Protein backbone atom coordinates (compact mmCIF):
# COMPACT_ATOMS: atom_id res chain seq x y z
CA UNK A 1 0.00 0.00 0.00
CA UNK A 2 1.54 3.30 -1.11
CA UNK A 3 1.69 6.24 1.24
CA UNK A 4 0.67 9.62 -0.11
CA UNK A 5 2.86 12.61 0.67
CA UNK A 6 6.42 11.34 0.95
CA UNK A 7 6.07 7.62 1.53
CA UNK A 8 6.74 7.69 5.29
CA UNK A 9 4.64 5.99 7.88
CA UNK A 10 2.50 8.23 10.08
CA UNK A 11 4.23 6.75 13.14
CA UNK A 12 7.82 7.10 11.91
CA UNK A 13 10.13 9.40 13.82
CA UNK A 14 12.08 11.87 11.75
CA UNK A 15 14.41 13.06 14.52
CA UNK A 16 15.08 11.40 17.84
CA UNK A 17 16.19 13.74 20.61
CA UNK A 18 17.08 12.70 24.13
CA UNK A 19 15.37 14.69 26.84
CA UNK A 20 17.76 16.16 29.42
CA UNK A 21 16.73 16.52 33.03
CA UNK A 22 18.21 18.96 35.52
CA UNK A 23 18.23 18.99 39.32
CA UNK A 24 17.14 22.16 41.19
CA UNK A 25 20.83 22.60 42.18
CA UNK A 26 21.65 23.08 38.48
CA UNK A 27 23.34 19.72 37.83
CA UNK A 28 22.43 17.33 35.04
CA UNK A 29 20.60 14.09 35.92
CA UNK A 30 21.98 10.85 34.48
CA UNK A 31 20.60 7.32 34.63
CA UNK A 32 22.79 4.65 36.24
CA UNK A 33 22.38 0.90 36.56
CA UNK A 34 23.12 -0.92 39.81
CA UNK A 35 23.24 -4.63 40.44
CA UNK A 36 21.73 -5.71 43.76
CA UNK A 37 21.34 -9.38 44.58
CA UNK A 38 21.54 -10.41 40.93
CA UNK A 39 18.86 -7.91 39.86
CA UNK A 40 19.42 -4.79 37.79
CA UNK A 41 18.14 -1.56 39.25
CA UNK A 42 17.99 1.74 37.37
CA UNK A 43 18.42 4.97 39.34
CA UNK A 44 18.67 8.64 38.45
CA UNK A 45 21.59 10.55 39.97
CA UNK A 46 22.48 14.25 39.90
CA UNK A 47 26.09 14.78 38.85
CA UNK A 48 26.49 17.92 41.02
CA UNK A 49 24.92 17.12 44.41
CA UNK A 50 24.90 13.27 44.05
CA UNK A 51 21.19 13.12 44.93
CA UNK A 52 19.62 9.78 43.96
CA UNK A 53 15.99 9.28 42.93
CA UNK A 54 14.05 6.50 41.22
CA UNK A 55 13.10 8.51 38.11
CA UNK A 56 14.55 11.66 36.52
CA UNK A 57 11.19 13.43 36.89
CA UNK A 58 11.36 13.04 40.68
CA UNK A 59 13.93 15.85 40.78
CA UNK A 60 11.36 18.50 39.82
PDB file of N, CA and C in Angstrom:
ATOM      1  N   UNK A   1       0.843  -1.173   0.000  1.00  0.00           N
ATOM      2  CA  UNK A   1       0.000   0.000   0.000  1.00  0.00           C
ATOM      3  C   UNK A   1       0.889   1.238   0.000  1.00  0.00           C
ATOM      4  N   UNK A   2       0.707   2.107  -0.963  1.00  0.00           N
ATOM      5  CA  UNK A   2       1.544   3.297  -1.114  1.00  0.00           C
ATOM      6  C   UNK A   2       1.052   4.420  -0.202  1.00  0.00           C
ATOM      7  N   UNK A   3       2.004   5.111   0.369  1.00  0.00           N
ATOM      8  CA  UNK A   3       1.685   6.241   1.243  1.00  0.00           C
ATOM      9  C   UNK A   3       1.691   7.526   0.419  1.00  0.00           C
ATOM     10  N   UNK A   4       0.714   8.337   0.583  1.00  0.00           N
ATOM     11  CA  UNK A   4       0.665   9.624  -0.112  1.00  0.00           C
ATOM     12  C   UNK A   4       1.447  10.653   0.688  1.00  0.00           C
ATOM     13  N   UNK A   5       2.172  11.519  -0.005  1.00  0.00           N
ATOM     14  CA  UNK A   5       2.861  12.609   0.670  1.00  0.00           C
ATOM     15  C   UNK A   5       4.215  12.242   1.248  1.00  0.00           C
ATOM     16  N   UNK A   6       5.066  11.582   0.487  1.00  0.00           N
ATOM     17  CA  UNK A   6       6.419  11.341   0.951  1.00  0.00           C
ATOM     18  C   UNK A   6       6.759   9.889   1.210  1.00  0.00           C
ATOM     19  N   UNK A   7       5.800   9.029   1.362  1.00  0.00           N
ATOM     20  CA  UNK A   7       6.074   7.624   1.530  1.00  0.00           C
ATOM     21  C   UNK A   7       6.522   7.206   2.916  1.00  0.00           C
ATOM     22  N   UNK A   8       6.359   8.055   3.927  1.00  0.00           N
ATOM     23  CA  UNK A   8       6.737   7.692   5.287  1.00  0.00           C
ATOM     24  C   UNK A   8       5.509   7.297   6.083  1.00  0.00           C
ATOM     25  N   UNK A   9       5.714   6.410   7.009  1.00  0.00           N
ATOM     26  CA  UNK A   9       4.635   5.985   7.881  1.00  0.00           C
ATOM     27  C   UNK A   9       4.213   7.140   8.791  1.00  0.00           C
ATOM     28  N   UNK A  10       2.976   7.162   9.187  1.00  0.00           N
ATOM     29  CA  UNK A  10       2.504   8.230  10.077  1.00  0.00           C
ATOM     30  C   UNK A  10       3.128   8.126  11.473  1.00  0.00           C
ATOM     31  N   UNK A  11       3.638   6.944  11.820  1.00  0.00           N
ATOM     32  CA  UNK A  11       4.232   6.754  13.136  1.00  0.00           C
ATOM     33  C   UNK A  11       5.760   6.815  13.137  1.00  0.00           C
ATOM     34  N   UNK A  12       6.353   7.071  11.971  1.00  0.00           N
ATOM     35  CA  UNK A  12       7.815   7.105  11.915  1.00  0.00           C
ATOM     36  C   UNK A  12       8.336   8.385  12.558  1.00  0.00           C
ATOM     37  N   UNK A  13       9.492   8.241  13.193  1.00  0.00           N
ATOM     38  CA  UNK A  13      10.130   9.397  13.824  1.00  0.00           C
ATOM     39  C   UNK A  13      11.155   9.964  12.860  1.00  0.00           C
ATOM     40  N   UNK A  14      11.125  11.251  12.662  1.00  0.00           N
ATOM     41  CA  UNK A  14      12.078  11.871  11.746  1.00  0.00           C
ATOM     42  C   UNK A  14      13.343  12.290  12.478  1.00  0.00           C
ATOM     43  N   UNK A  15      13.238  12.680  13.731  1.00  0.00           N
ATOM     44  CA  UNK A  15      14.413  13.063  14.519  1.00  0.00           C
ATOM     45  C   UNK A  15      14.207  12.595  15.954  1.00  0.00           C
ATOM     46  N   UNK A  16      15.171  11.885  16.467  1.00  0.00           N
ATOM     47  CA  UNK A  16      15.077  11.396  17.842  1.00  0.00           C
ATOM     48  C   UNK A  16      15.986  12.265  18.703  1.00  0.00           C
ATOM     49  N   UNK A  17      15.405  12.909  19.709  1.00  0.00           N
ATOM     50  CA  UNK A  17      16.190  13.737  20.614  1.00  0.00           C
ATOM     51  C   UNK A  17      16.029  13.199  22.023  1.00  0.00           C
ATOM     52  N   UNK A  18      17.115  13.156  22.742  1.00  0.00           N
ATOM     53  CA  UNK A  18      17.083  12.698  24.128  1.00  0.00           C
ATOM     54  C   UNK A  18      16.708  13.872  25.024  1.00  0.00           C
ATOM     55  N   UNK A  19      15.797  13.634  25.926  1.00  0.00           N
ATOM     56  CA  UNK A  19      15.375  14.687  26.844  1.00  0.00           C
ATOM     57  C   UNK A  19      16.363  14.762  27.994  1.00  0.00           C
ATOM     58  N   UNK A  20      16.819  15.971  28.317  1.00  0.00           N
ATOM     59  CA  UNK A  20      17.759  16.155  29.419  1.00  0.00           C
ATOM     60  C   UNK A  20      16.998  16.659  30.628  1.00  0.00           C
ATOM     61  N   UNK A  21      17.345  16.112  31.782  1.00  0.00           N
ATOM     62  CA  UNK A  21      16.727  16.515  33.031  1.00  0.00           C
ATOM     63  C   UNK A  21      17.770  17.207  33.890  1.00  0.00           C
ATOM     64  N   UNK A  22      17.313  18.215  34.656  1.00  0.00           N
ATOM     65  CA  UNK A  22      18.214  18.962  35.519  1.00  0.00           C
ATOM     66  C   UNK A  22      17.663  19.009  36.932  1.00  0.00           C
ATOM     67  N   UNK A  23      18.561  18.920  37.903  1.00  0.00           N
ATOM     68  CA  UNK A  23      18.234  18.988  39.324  1.00  0.00           C
ATOM     69  C   UNK A  23      18.035  20.464  39.696  1.00  0.00           C
ATOM     70  N   UNK A  24      17.281  20.771  40.751  1.00  0.00           N
ATOM     71  CA  UNK A  24      17.142  22.162  41.193  1.00  0.00           C
ATOM     72  C   UNK A  24      18.482  22.823  41.547  1.00  0.00           C
ATOM     73  N   UNK A  25      19.510  22.029  41.868  1.00  0.00           N
ATOM     74  CA  UNK A  25      20.830  22.598  42.176  1.00  0.00           C
ATOM     75  C   UNK A  25      21.543  23.067  40.910  1.00  0.00           C
ATOM     76  N   UNK A  26      21.054  22.665  39.738  1.00  0.00           N
ATOM     77  CA  UNK A  26      21.653  23.075  38.481  1.00  0.00           C
ATOM     78  C   UNK A  26      22.435  21.977  37.784  1.00  0.00           C
ATOM     79  N   UNK A  27      22.596  20.819  38.427  1.00  0.00           N
ATOM     80  CA  UNK A  27      23.345  19.716  37.833  1.00  0.00           C
ATOM     81  C   UNK A  27      22.487  18.884  36.902  1.00  0.00           C
ATOM     82  N   UNK A  28      23.137  18.191  35.982  1.00  0.00           N
ATOM     83  CA  UNK A  28      22.427  17.331  35.036  1.00  0.00           C
ATOM     84  C   UNK A  28      22.159  15.974  35.675  1.00  0.00           C
ATOM     85  N   UNK A  29      21.003  15.393  35.374  1.00  0.00           N
ATOM     86  CA  UNK A  29      20.603  14.092  35.919  1.00  0.00           C
ATOM     87  C   UNK A  29      20.920  13.014  34.892  1.00  0.00           C
ATOM     88  N   UNK A  30      21.631  11.975  35.335  1.00  0.00           N
ATOM     89  CA  UNK A  30      21.982  10.846  34.476  1.00  0.00           C
ATOM     90  C   UNK A  30      21.409   9.561  35.072  1.00  0.00           C
ATOM     91  N   UNK A  31      21.075   8.624  34.195  1.00  0.00           N
ATOM     92  CA  UNK A  31      20.596   7.321  34.627  1.00  0.00           C
ATOM     93  C   UNK A  31      21.790   6.393  34.839  1.00  0.00           C
ATOM     94  N   UNK A  32      21.747   5.618  35.944  1.00  0.00           N
ATOM     95  CA  UNK A  32      22.787   4.645  36.243  1.00  0.00           C
ATOM     96  C   UNK A  32      22.135   3.312  36.557  1.00  0.00           C
ATOM     97  N   UNK A  33      22.882   2.248  36.322  1.00  0.00           N
ATOM     98  CA  UNK A  33      22.380   0.896  36.556  1.00  0.00           C
ATOM     99  C   UNK A  33      23.181   0.258  37.680  1.00  0.00           C
ATOM    100  N   UNK A  34      22.478  -0.230  38.696  1.00  0.00           N
ATOM    101  CA  UNK A  34      23.117  -0.921  39.807  1.00  0.00           C
ATOM    102  C   UNK A  34      22.705  -2.386  39.789  1.00  0.00           C
ATOM    103  N   UNK A  35      23.556  -3.224  40.330  1.00  0.00           N
ATOM    104  CA  UNK A  35      23.243  -4.635  40.439  1.00  0.00           C
ATOM    105  C   UNK A  35      23.150  -4.990  41.918  1.00  0.00           C
ATOM    106  N   UNK A  36      21.951  -5.358  42.357  1.00  0.00           N
ATOM    107  CA  UNK A  36      21.735  -5.707  43.756  1.00  0.00           C
ATOM    108  C   UNK A  36      21.110  -7.090  43.831  1.00  0.00           C
ATOM    109  N   UNK A  37      21.857  -8.026  44.406  1.00  0.00           N
ATOM    110  CA  UNK A  37      21.337  -9.381  44.579  1.00  0.00           C
ATOM    111  C   UNK A  37      21.023 -10.074  43.270  1.00  0.00           C
ATOM    112  N   UNK A  38      21.773  -9.785  42.216  1.00  0.00           N
ATOM    113  CA  UNK A  38      21.536 -10.408  40.926  1.00  0.00           C
ATOM    114  C   UNK A  38      20.468  -9.725  40.092  1.00  0.00           C
ATOM    115  N   UNK A  39      19.878  -8.650  40.598  1.00  0.00           N
ATOM    116  CA  UNK A  39      18.862  -7.908  39.862  1.00  0.00           C
ATOM    117  C   UNK A  39      19.416  -6.552  39.444  1.00  0.00           C
ATOM    118  N   UNK A  40      19.011  -6.104  38.269  1.00  0.00           N
ATOM    119  CA  UNK A  40      19.422  -4.790  37.794  1.00  0.00           C
ATOM    120  C   UNK A  40      18.440  -3.750  38.299  1.00  0.00           C
ATOM    121  N   UNK A  41      18.977  -2.627  38.735  1.00  0.00           N
ATOM    122  CA  UNK A  41      18.135  -1.561  39.249  1.00  0.00           C
ATOM    123  C   UNK A  41      18.591  -0.252  38.619  1.00  0.00           C
ATOM    124  N   UNK A  42      17.671   0.455  37.972  1.00  0.00           N
ATOM    125  CA  UNK A  42      17.989   1.744  37.371  1.00  0.00           C
ATOM    126  C   UNK A  42      17.689   2.863  38.355  1.00  0.00           C
ATOM    127  N   UNK A  43      18.630   3.805  38.480  1.00  0.00           N
ATOM    128  CA  UNK A  43      18.424   4.966  39.345  1.00  0.00           C
ATOM    129  C   UNK A  43      18.836   6.212  38.583  1.00  0.00           C
ATOM    130  N   UNK A  44      18.301   7.339  39.009  1.00  0.00           N
ATOM    131  CA  UNK A  44      18.673   8.636  38.445  1.00  0.00           C
ATOM    132  C   UNK A  44      19.522   9.356  39.475  1.00  0.00           C
ATOM    133  N   UNK A  45      20.676   9.891  39.039  1.00  0.00           N
ATOM    134  CA  UNK A  45      21.587  10.554  39.971  1.00  0.00           C
ATOM    135  C   UNK A  45      22.006  11.908  39.404  1.00  0.00           C
ATOM    136  N   UNK A  46      22.001  12.928  40.277  1.00  0.00           N
ATOM    137  CA  UNK A  46      22.479  14.253  39.901  1.00  0.00           C
ATOM    138  C   UNK A  46      24.003  14.240  39.948  1.00  0.00           C
ATOM    139  N   UNK A  47      24.633  14.781  38.922  1.00  0.00           N
ATOM    140  CA  UNK A  47      26.090  14.783  38.853  1.00  0.00           C
ATOM    141  C   UNK A  47      26.713  15.820  39.784  1.00  0.00           C
ATOM    142  N   UNK A  48      25.962  16.858  40.155  1.00  0.00           N
ATOM    143  CA  UNK A  48      26.487  17.919  41.023  1.00  0.00           C
ATOM    144  C   UNK A  48      26.379  17.550  42.500  1.00  0.00           C
ATOM    145  N   UNK A  49      25.149  17.323  42.973  1.00  0.00           N
ATOM    146  CA  UNK A  49      24.919  17.118  44.407  1.00  0.00           C
ATOM    147  C   UNK A  49      24.834  15.643  44.803  1.00  0.00           C
ATOM    148  N   UNK A  50      24.932  14.735  43.820  1.00  0.00           N
ATOM    149  CA  UNK A  50      24.905  13.274  44.053  1.00  0.00           C
ATOM    150  C   UNK A  50      23.592  12.784  44.659  1.00  0.00           C
ATOM    151  N   UNK A  51      22.521  13.540  44.469  1.00  0.00           N
ATOM    152  CA  UNK A  51      21.193  13.124  44.931  1.00  0.00           C
ATOM    153  C   UNK A  51      20.706  11.970  44.061  1.00  0.00           C
ATOM    154  N   UNK A  52      20.085  10.968  44.677  1.00  0.00           N
ATOM    155  CA  UNK A  52      19.623   9.781  43.964  1.00  0.00           C
ATOM    156  C   UNK A  52      18.104   9.681  44.094  1.00  0.00           C
ATOM    157  N   UNK A  53      17.442   9.472  42.973  1.00  0.00           N
ATOM    158  CA  UNK A  53      15.991   9.277  42.929  1.00  0.00           C
ATOM    159  C   UNK A  53      15.700   8.077  42.025  1.00  0.00           C
ATOM    160  N   UNK A  54      14.447   7.652  42.018  1.00  0.00           N
ATOM    161  CA  UNK A  54      14.047   6.504  41.222  1.00  0.00           C
ATOM    162  C   UNK A  54      13.892   6.864  39.741  1.00  0.00           C
ATOM    163  N   UNK A  55      13.319   8.040  39.480  1.00  0.00           N
ATOM    164  CA  UNK A  55      13.096   8.511  38.109  1.00  0.00           C
ATOM    165  C   UNK A  55      13.669   9.916  37.949  1.00  0.00           C
ATOM    166  N   UNK A  56      14.040  10.304  36.725  1.00  0.00           N
ATOM    167  CA  UNK A  56      14.546  11.662  36.518  1.00  0.00           C
ATOM    168  C   UNK A  56      13.505  12.748  36.824  1.00  0.00           C
ATOM    169  N   UNK A  57      12.231  12.428  36.647  1.00  0.00           N
ATOM    170  CA  UNK A  57      11.191  13.432  36.892  1.00  0.00           C
ATOM    171  C   UNK A  57      10.966  13.685  38.368  1.00  0.00           C
ATOM    172  N   UNK A  58      11.501  12.849  39.250  1.00  0.00           N
ATOM    173  CA  UNK A  58      11.363  13.045  40.681  1.00  0.00           C
ATOM    174  C   UNK A  58      12.195  14.222  41.198  1.00  0.00           C
ATOM    175  N   UNK A  59      13.094  14.734  40.383  1.00  0.00           N
ATOM    176  CA  UNK A  59      13.927  15.851  40.780  1.00  0.00           C
ATOM    177  C   UNK A  59      13.190  17.190  40.705  1.00  0.00           C
ATOM    178  N   UNK A  60      12.079  17.232  40.004  1.00  0.00           N
ATOM    179  CA  UNK A  60      11.360  18.499  39.822  1.00  0.00           C
ATOM    180  C   UNK A  60      10.540  18.870  41.026  1.00  0.00           C
TER     181      UNK A  60
END
